[in-house]
Structures are given as structure tokens and as C-alpha cells.
């Protein structure tokens, strides 16, 4: 299984599962990252944090810790 943190720039993947507990999982899902949605990695900061993705037609920045909670295919 691969996490969103491991995806290369320009690659589009599909979300399979969102891990995490309580408020963290809820916040990720509230941003539109749910099972079955396509996510395209646009940019990664020089030190790898944050990661900028395109999801549901808008751009979103995620911390590495949050990106590690998102299982993709």
C-alpha cells in the first residue's frame, strides 16, 4: 500500500482509505479527500512539507503527517 506522501509530482492517484483518529480523520475528509476521489500531486516543498494537491477542482496543501494517513492506489 502506498500513501499520498510517497506519490511523485504530476502523478494522479485514487484514494482507497483515510486512516487516522477522530478530529484528524474528520478534518481530512472535510477537505474533500474521501474514498474513491482522484488526487493529483502538483508540488512538493523543498523539504517535503507541505504537499500541494489538486482535489475536486481546487488546490489544497497538506502536511506530511496528514499525507501519510491517506492510502492511495
PDB file of N, CA and C in Angstrom:
ATOM      1  N   UNK A   1       0.839  -1.182   0.000  1.00  0.00           N
ATOM      2  CA  UNK A   1       0.000   0.000   0.000  1.00  0.00           C
ATOM      3  C   UNK A   1       0.883   1.244   0.000  1.00  0.00           C
ATOM      4  N   UNK A   2       0.422   2.242  -0.700  1.00  0.00           N
ATOM      5  CA  UNK A   2       1.176   3.476  -0.898  1.00  0.00           C
ATOM      6  C   UNK A   2       0.406   4.623  -0.245  1.00  0.00           C
ATOM      7  N   UNK A   3       1.127   5.569   0.335  1.00  0.00           N
ATOM      8  CA  UNK A   3       0.478   6.737   0.928  1.00  0.00           C
ATOM      9  C   UNK A   3       0.624   7.935  -0.007  1.00  0.00           C
ATOM     10  N   UNK A   4      -0.169   8.948   0.219  1.00  0.00           N
ATOM     11  CA  UNK A   4      -0.111  10.160  -0.593  1.00  0.00           C
ATOM     12  C   UNK A   4       1.245  10.834  -0.494  1.00  0.00           C
ATOM     13  N   UNK A   5       1.924  10.665   0.616  1.00  0.00           N
ATOM     14  CA  UNK A   5       3.250  11.251   0.807  1.00  0.00           C
ATOM     15  C   UNK A   5       4.273  10.683  -0.180  1.00  0.00           C
ATOM     16  N   UNK A   6       4.091   9.440  -0.620  1.00  0.00           N
ATOM     17  CA  UNK A   6       5.035   8.753  -1.500  1.00  0.00           C
ATOM     18  C   UNK A   6       4.783   8.992  -2.990  1.00  0.00           C
ATOM     19  N   UNK A   7       3.709   9.679  -3.329  1.00  0.00           N
ATOM     20  CA  UNK A   7       3.344   9.908  -4.734  1.00  0.00           C
ATOM     21  C   UNK A   7       4.254  10.968  -5.346  1.00  0.00           C
ATOM     22  N   UNK A   8       4.669  10.752  -6.595  1.00  0.00           N
ATOM     23  CA  UNK A   8       5.552  11.682  -7.306  1.00  0.00           C
ATOM     24  C   UNK A   8       4.763  12.867  -7.861  1.00  0.00           C
ATOM     25  N   UNK A   9       5.464  13.958  -8.117  1.00  0.00           N
ATOM     26  CA  UNK A   9       4.855  15.169  -8.678  1.00  0.00           C
ATOM     27  C   UNK A   9       4.283  14.853 -10.058  1.00  0.00           C
ATOM     28  N   UNK A  10       3.062  15.320 -10.310  1.00  0.00           N
ATOM     29  CA  UNK A  10       2.401  15.115 -11.592  1.00  0.00           C
ATOM     30  C   UNK A  10       1.596  13.827 -11.679  1.00  0.00           C
ATOM     31  N   UNK A  11       1.715  12.964 -10.715  1.00  0.00           N
ATOM     32  CA  UNK A  11       1.006  11.685 -10.711  1.00  0.00           C
ATOM     33  C   UNK A  11      -0.401  11.868 -10.144  1.00  0.00           C
ATOM     34  N   UNK A  12      -1.372  11.177 -10.740  1.00  0.00           N
ATOM     35  CA  UNK A  12      -2.744  11.190 -10.245  1.00  0.00           C
ATOM     36  C   UNK A  12      -3.062   9.827  -9.665  1.00  0.00           C
ATOM     37  N   UNK A  13      -3.615   9.816  -8.481  1.00  0.00           N
ATOM     38  CA  UNK A  13      -3.931   8.573  -7.773  1.00  0.00           C
ATOM     39  C   UNK A  13      -5.370   8.629  -7.256  1.00  0.00           C
ATOM     40  N   UNK A  14      -5.879   7.471  -6.853  1.00  0.00           N
ATOM     41  CA  UNK A  14      -7.223   7.376  -6.293  1.00  0.00           C
ATOM     42  C   UNK A  14      -7.118   7.018  -4.817  1.00  0.00           C
ATOM     43  N   UNK A  15      -7.880   7.712  -3.988  1.00  0.00           N
ATOM     44  CA  UNK A  15      -7.864   7.465  -2.549  1.00  0.00           C
ATOM     45  C   UNK A  15      -8.604   6.154  -2.272  1.00  0.00           C
ATOM     46  N   UNK A  16      -7.951   5.267  -1.508  1.00  0.00           N
ATOM     47  CA  UNK A  16      -8.561   3.997  -1.124  1.00  0.00           C
ATOM     48  C   UNK A  16      -9.050   4.012   0.317  1.00  0.00           C
ATOM     49  N   UNK A  17      -8.335   4.719   1.206  1.00  0.00           N
ATOM     50  CA  UNK A  17      -8.705   4.729   2.613  1.00  0.00           C
ATOM     51  C   UNK A  17      -8.070   5.936   3.293  1.00  0.00           C
ATOM     52  N   UNK A  18      -8.762   6.475   4.281  1.00  0.00           N
ATOM     53  CA  UNK A  18      -8.208   7.542   5.111  1.00  0.00           C
ATOM     54  C   UNK A  18      -8.041   6.976   6.518  1.00  0.00           C
ATOM     55  N   UNK A  19      -6.798   6.858   6.954  1.00  0.00           N
ATOM     56  CA  UNK A  19      -6.512   6.385   8.312  1.00  0.00           C
ATOM     57  C   UNK A  19      -6.588   7.560   9.272  1.00  0.00           C
ATOM     58  N   UNK A  20      -6.363   7.301  10.519  1.00  0.00           N
ATOM     59  CA  UNK A  20      -6.350   8.384  11.497  1.00  0.00           C
ATOM     60  C   UNK A  20      -7.444   8.206  12.522  1.00  0.00           C
ATOM     61  N   UNK A  21      -7.419   9.080  13.495  1.00  0.00           N
ATOM     62  CA  UNK A  21      -8.364   9.016  14.605  1.00  0.00           C
ATOM     63  C   UNK A  21      -9.123  10.332  14.733  1.00  0.00           C
ATOM     64  N   UNK A  22     -10.375  10.253  15.035  1.00  0.00           N
ATOM     65  CA  UNK A  22     -11.196  11.393  15.412  1.00  0.00           C
ATOM     66  C   UNK A  22     -11.057  12.649  14.578  1.00  0.00           C
ATOM     67  N   UNK A  23     -10.574  13.717  15.210  1.00  0.00           N
ATOM     68  CA  UNK A  23     -10.536  15.040  14.590  1.00  0.00           C
ATOM     69  C   UNK A  23      -9.624  15.096  13.371  1.00  0.00           C
ATOM     70  N   UNK A  24      -8.516  14.362  13.389  1.00  0.00           N
ATOM     71  CA  UNK A  24      -7.593  14.381  12.247  1.00  0.00           C
ATOM     72  C   UNK A  24      -8.267  13.792  11.017  1.00  0.00           C
ATOM     73  N   UNK A  25      -8.881  12.638  11.167  1.00  0.00           N
ATOM     74  CA  UNK A  25      -9.577  11.986  10.054  1.00  0.00           C
ATOM     75  C   UNK A  25     -10.737  12.849   9.562  1.00  0.00           C
ATOM     76  N   UNK A  26     -11.487  13.417  10.477  1.00  0.00           N
ATOM     77  CA  UNK A  26     -12.632  14.263  10.128  1.00  0.00           C
ATOM     78  C   UNK A  26     -12.177  15.486   9.329  1.00  0.00           C
ATOM     79  N   UNK A  27     -11.059  16.097   9.745  1.00  0.00           N
ATOM     80  CA  UNK A  27     -10.546  17.291   9.052  1.00  0.00           C
ATOM     81  C   UNK A  27     -10.129  16.949   7.622  1.00  0.00           C
ATOM     82  N   UNK A  28      -9.440  15.817   7.448  1.00  0.00           N
ATOM     83  CA  UNK A  28      -9.018  15.396   6.109  1.00  0.00           C
ATOM     84  C   UNK A  28     -10.238  15.157   5.224  1.00  0.00           C
ATOM     85  N   UNK A  29     -11.237  14.485   5.765  1.00  0.00           N
ATOM     86  CA  UNK A  29     -12.450  14.206   4.986  1.00  0.00           C
ATOM     87  C   UNK A  29     -13.244  15.480   4.693  1.00  0.00           C
ATOM     88  N   UNK A  30     -13.239  16.438   5.607  1.00  0.00           N
ATOM     89  CA  UNK A  30     -13.928  17.711   5.386  1.00  0.00           C
ATOM     90  C   UNK A  30     -13.286  18.513   4.256  1.00  0.00           C
ATOM     91  N   UNK A  31     -11.999  18.283   4.001  1.00  0.00           N
ATOM     92  CA  UNK A  31     -11.306  18.975   2.914  1.00  0.00           C
ATOM     93  C   UNK A  31     -11.617  18.342   1.558  1.00  0.00           C
ATOM     94  N   UNK A  32     -12.398  17.274   1.531  1.00  0.00           N
ATOM     95  CA  UNK A  32     -12.808  16.665   0.273  1.00  0.00           C
ATOM     96  C   UNK A  32     -12.042  15.406  -0.092  1.00  0.00           C
ATOM     97  N   UNK A  33     -11.158  14.952   0.776  1.00  0.00           N
ATOM     98  CA  UNK A  33     -10.387  13.750   0.494  1.00  0.00           C
ATOM     99  C   UNK A  33     -11.120  12.562   1.107  1.00  0.00           C
ATOM    100  N   UNK A  34     -11.903  11.886   0.266  1.00  0.00           N
ATOM    101  CA  UNK A  34     -12.684  10.736   0.690  1.00  0.00           C
ATOM    102  C   UNK A  34     -12.397   9.560  -0.235  1.00  0.00           C
ATOM    103  N   UNK A  35     -12.838   8.379   0.151  1.00  0.00           N
ATOM    104  CA  UNK A  35     -12.602   7.179  -0.645  1.00  0.00           C
ATOM    105  C   UNK A  35     -13.151   7.339  -2.063  1.00  0.00           C
ATOM    106  N   UNK A  36     -12.330   6.977  -3.059  1.00  0.00           N
ATOM    107  CA  UNK A  36     -12.751   6.999  -4.452  1.00  0.00           C
ATOM    108  C   UNK A  36     -12.432   8.268  -5.211  1.00  0.00           C
ATOM    109  N   UNK A  37     -12.024   9.337  -4.543  1.00  0.00           N
ATOM    110  CA  UNK A  37     -11.738  10.604  -5.219  1.00  0.00           C
ATOM    111  C   UNK A  37     -10.322  10.572  -5.819  1.00  0.00           C
ATOM    112  N   UNK A  38     -10.161  11.208  -6.980  1.00  0.00           N
ATOM    113  CA  UNK A  38      -8.846  11.306  -7.620  1.00  0.00           C
ATOM    114  C   UNK A  38      -8.097  12.513  -7.074  1.00  0.00           C
ATOM    115  N   UNK A  39      -6.799  12.311  -6.822  1.00  0.00           N
ATOM    116  CA  UNK A  39      -5.944  13.364  -6.279  1.00  0.00           C
ATOM    117  C   UNK A  39      -4.704  13.447  -7.154  1.00  0.00           C
ATOM    118  N   UNK A  40      -4.360  14.662  -7.590  1.00  0.00           N
ATOM    119  CA  UNK A  40      -3.160  14.894  -8.398  1.00  0.00           C
ATOM    120  C   UNK A  40      -2.167  15.704  -7.564  1.00  0.00           C
ATOM    121  N   UNK A  41      -0.940  15.206  -7.454  1.00  0.00           N
ATOM    122  CA  UNK A  41       0.098  15.928  -6.707  1.00  0.00           C
ATOM    123  C   UNK A  41       0.680  16.999  -7.622  1.00  0.00           C
ATOM    124  N   UNK A  42       0.563  18.260  -7.215  1.00  0.00           N
ATOM    125  CA  UNK A  42       1.015  19.394  -8.024  1.00  0.00           C
ATOM    126  C   UNK A  42       2.440  19.810  -7.686  1.00  0.00           C
ATOM    127  N   UNK A  43       2.722  19.980  -6.392  1.00  0.00           N
ATOM    128  CA  UNK A  43       4.039  20.469  -5.957  1.00  0.00           C
ATOM    129  C   UNK A  43       4.390  19.857  -4.612  1.00  0.00           C
ATOM    130  N   UNK A  44       5.688  19.790  -4.347  1.00  0.00           N
ATOM    131  CA  UNK A  44       6.180  19.392  -3.028  1.00  0.00           C
ATOM    132  C   UNK A  44       7.221  20.424  -2.621  1.00  0.00           C
ATOM    133  N   UNK A  45       7.116  20.929  -1.425  1.00  0.00           N
ATOM    134  CA  UNK A  45       8.073  21.920  -0.926  1.00  0.00           C
ATOM    135  C   UNK A  45       9.472  21.311  -0.870  1.00  0.00           C
ATOM    136  N   UNK A  46      10.513  22.142  -0.906  1.00  0.00           N
ATOM    137  CA  UNK A  46      11.891  21.638  -0.926  1.00  0.00           C
ATOM    138  C   UNK A  46      12.225  20.633   0.176  1.00  0.00           C
ATOM    139  N   UNK A  47      11.703  20.808   1.362  1.00  0.00           N
ATOM    140  CA  UNK A  47      11.972  19.863   2.439  1.00  0.00           C
ATOM    141  C   UNK A  47      10.868  18.816   2.573  1.00  0.00           C
ATOM    142  N   UNK A  48       9.941  18.815   1.610  1.00  0.00           N
ATOM    143  CA  UNK A  48       8.893  17.802   1.588  1.00  0.00           C
ATOM    144  C   UNK A  48       7.634  18.138   2.373  1.00  0.00           C
ATOM    145  N   UNK A  49       7.586  19.316   2.976  1.00  0.00           N
ATOM    146  CA  UNK A  49       6.421  19.674   3.771  1.00  0.00           C
ATOM    147  C   UNK A  49       6.078  21.134   3.533  1.00  0.00           C
ATOM    148  N   UNK A  50       4.955  21.508   3.010  1.00  0.00           N
ATOM    149  CA  UNK A  50       3.778  20.710   2.705  1.00  0.00           C
ATOM    150  C   UNK A  50       3.776  20.150   1.276  1.00  0.00           C
ATOM    151  N   UNK A  51       2.730  19.375   0.989  1.00  0.00           N
ATOM    152  CA  UNK A  51       2.499  18.810  -0.336  1.00  0.00           C
ATOM    153  C   UNK A  51       1.263  19.504  -0.898  1.00  0.00           C
ATOM    154  N   UNK A  52       1.353  20.011  -2.119  1.00  0.00           N
ATOM    155  CA  UNK A  52       0.196  20.667  -2.729  1.00  0.00           C
ATOM    156  C   UNK A  52      -0.468  19.699  -3.695  1.00  0.00           C
ATOM    157  N   UNK A  53      -1.772  19.475  -3.518  1.00  0.00           N
ATOM    158  CA  UNK A  53      -2.513  18.544  -4.358  1.00  0.00           C
ATOM    159  C   UNK A  53      -3.721  19.240  -4.975  1.00  0.00           C
ATOM    160  N   UNK A  54      -4.202  18.666  -6.059  1.00  0.00           N
ATOM    161  CA  UNK A  54      -5.426  19.134  -6.693  1.00  0.00           C
ATOM    162  C   UNK A  54      -6.476  18.065  -6.442  1.00  0.00           C
ATOM    163  N   UNK A  55      -7.555  18.446  -5.774  1.00  0.00           N
ATOM    164  CA  UNK A  55      -8.624  17.505  -5.439  1.00  0.00           C
ATOM    165  C   UNK A  55      -9.971  18.184  -5.642  1.00  0.00           C
ATOM    166  N   UNK A  56     -10.858  17.531  -6.368  1.00  0.00           N
ATOM    167  CA  UNK A  56     -12.208  18.047  -6.640  1.00  0.00           C
ATOM    168  C   UNK A  56     -12.197  19.457  -7.232  1.00  0.00           C
ATOM    169  N   UNK A  57     -11.198  19.748  -8.065  1.00  0.00           N
ATOM    170  CA  UNK A  57     -11.155  21.021  -8.769  1.00  0.00           C
ATOM    171  C   UNK A  57     -10.513  22.176  -8.013  1.00  0.00           C
ATOM    172  N   UNK A  58      -9.946  21.944  -6.862  1.00  0.00           N
ATOM    173  CA  UNK A  58      -9.255  23.027  -6.154  1.00  0.00           C
ATOM    174  C   UNK A  58      -7.922  22.531  -5.618  1.00  0.00           C
ATOM    175  N   UNK A  59      -7.046  23.479  -5.305  1.00  0.00           N
ATOM    176  CA  UNK A  59      -5.722  23.135  -4.802  1.00  0.00           C
ATOM    177  C   UNK A  59      -5.722  23.177  -3.280  1.00  0.00           C
ATOM    178  N   UNK A  60      -5.022  22.213  -2.697  1.00  0.00           N
ATOM    179  CA  UNK A  60      -5.015  22.031  -1.261  1.00  0.00           C
ATOM    180  C   UNK A  60      -3.600  21.705  -0.810  1.00  0.00           C
ATOM    181  N   UNK A  61      -3.157  22.298   0.283  1.00  0.00           N
ATOM    182  CA  UNK A  61      -1.842  21.997   0.853  1.00  0.00           C
ATOM    183  C   UNK A  61      -2.031  21.113   2.076  1.00  0.00           C
ATOM    184  N   UNK A  62      -1.264  20.029   2.115  1.00  0.00           N
ATOM    185  CA  UNK A  62      -1.342  19.077   3.222  1.00  0.00           C
ATOM    186  C   UNK A  62       0.009  18.922   3.880  1.00  0.00           C
ATOM    187  N   UNK A  63       0.019  18.771   5.181  1.00  0.00           N
ATOM    188  CA  UNK A  63       1.255  18.463   5.889  1.00  0.00           C
ATOM    189  C   UNK A  63       1.638  17.016   5.594  1.00  0.00           C
ATOM    190  N   UNK A  64       2.934  16.703   5.740  1.00  0.00           N
ATOM    191  CA  UNK A  64       3.416  15.340   5.521  1.00  0.00           C
ATOM    192  C   UNK A  64       2.693  14.361   6.441  1.00  0.00           C
ATOM    193  N   UNK A  65       2.479  14.759   7.679  1.00  0.00           N
ATOM    194  CA  UNK A  65       1.817  13.881   8.645  1.00  0.00           C
ATOM    195  C   UNK A  65       0.401  13.523   8.189  1.00  0.00           C
ATOM    196  N   UNK A  66      -0.303  14.484   7.585  1.00  0.00           N
ATOM    197  CA  UNK A  66      -1.645  14.220   7.084  1.00  0.00           C
ATOM    198  C   UNK A  66      -1.597  13.363   5.809  1.00  0.00           C
ATOM    199  N   UNK A  67      -0.624  13.634   4.947  1.00  0.00           N
ATOM    200  CA  UNK A  67      -0.488  12.871   3.701  1.00  0.00           C
ATOM    201  C   UNK A  67      -0.173  11.404   3.976  1.00  0.00           C
ATOM    202  N   UNK A  68       0.506  11.132   5.088  1.00  0.00           N
ATOM    203  CA  UNK A  68       0.832   9.749   5.454  1.00  0.00           C
ATOM    204  C   UNK A  68      -0.411   8.963   5.873  1.00  0.00           C
ATOM    205  N   UNK A  69      -1.475   9.649   6.241  1.00  0.00           N
ATOM    206  CA  UNK A  69      -2.707   8.993   6.679  1.00  0.00           C
ATOM    207  C   UNK A  69      -3.612   8.595   5.517  1.00  0.00           C
ATOM    208  N   UNK A  70      -3.263   9.015   4.290  1.00  0.00           N
ATOM    209  CA  UNK A  70      -4.121   8.787   3.125  1.00  0.00           C
ATOM    210  C   UNK A  70      -3.521   7.657   2.284  1.00  0.00           C
ATOM    211  N   UNK A  71      -4.221   6.524   2.200  1.00  0.00           N
ATOM    212  CA  UNK A  71      -3.798   5.368   1.426  1.00  0.00           C
ATOM    213  C   UNK A  71      -4.357   5.533   0.010  1.00  0.00           C
ATOM    214  N   UNK A  72      -3.462   5.397  -0.982  1.00  0.00           N
ATOM    215  CA  UNK A  72      -3.852   5.617  -2.388  1.00  0.00           C
ATOM    216  C   UNK A  72      -3.449   4.431  -3.257  1.00  0.00           C
ATOM    217  N   UNK A  73      -3.982   4.430  -4.466  1.00  0.00           N
ATOM    218  CA  UNK A  73      -3.674   3.396  -5.450  1.00  0.00           C
ATOM    219  C   UNK A  73      -3.385   4.044  -6.787  1.00  0.00           C
TER     220      UNK A  73
END
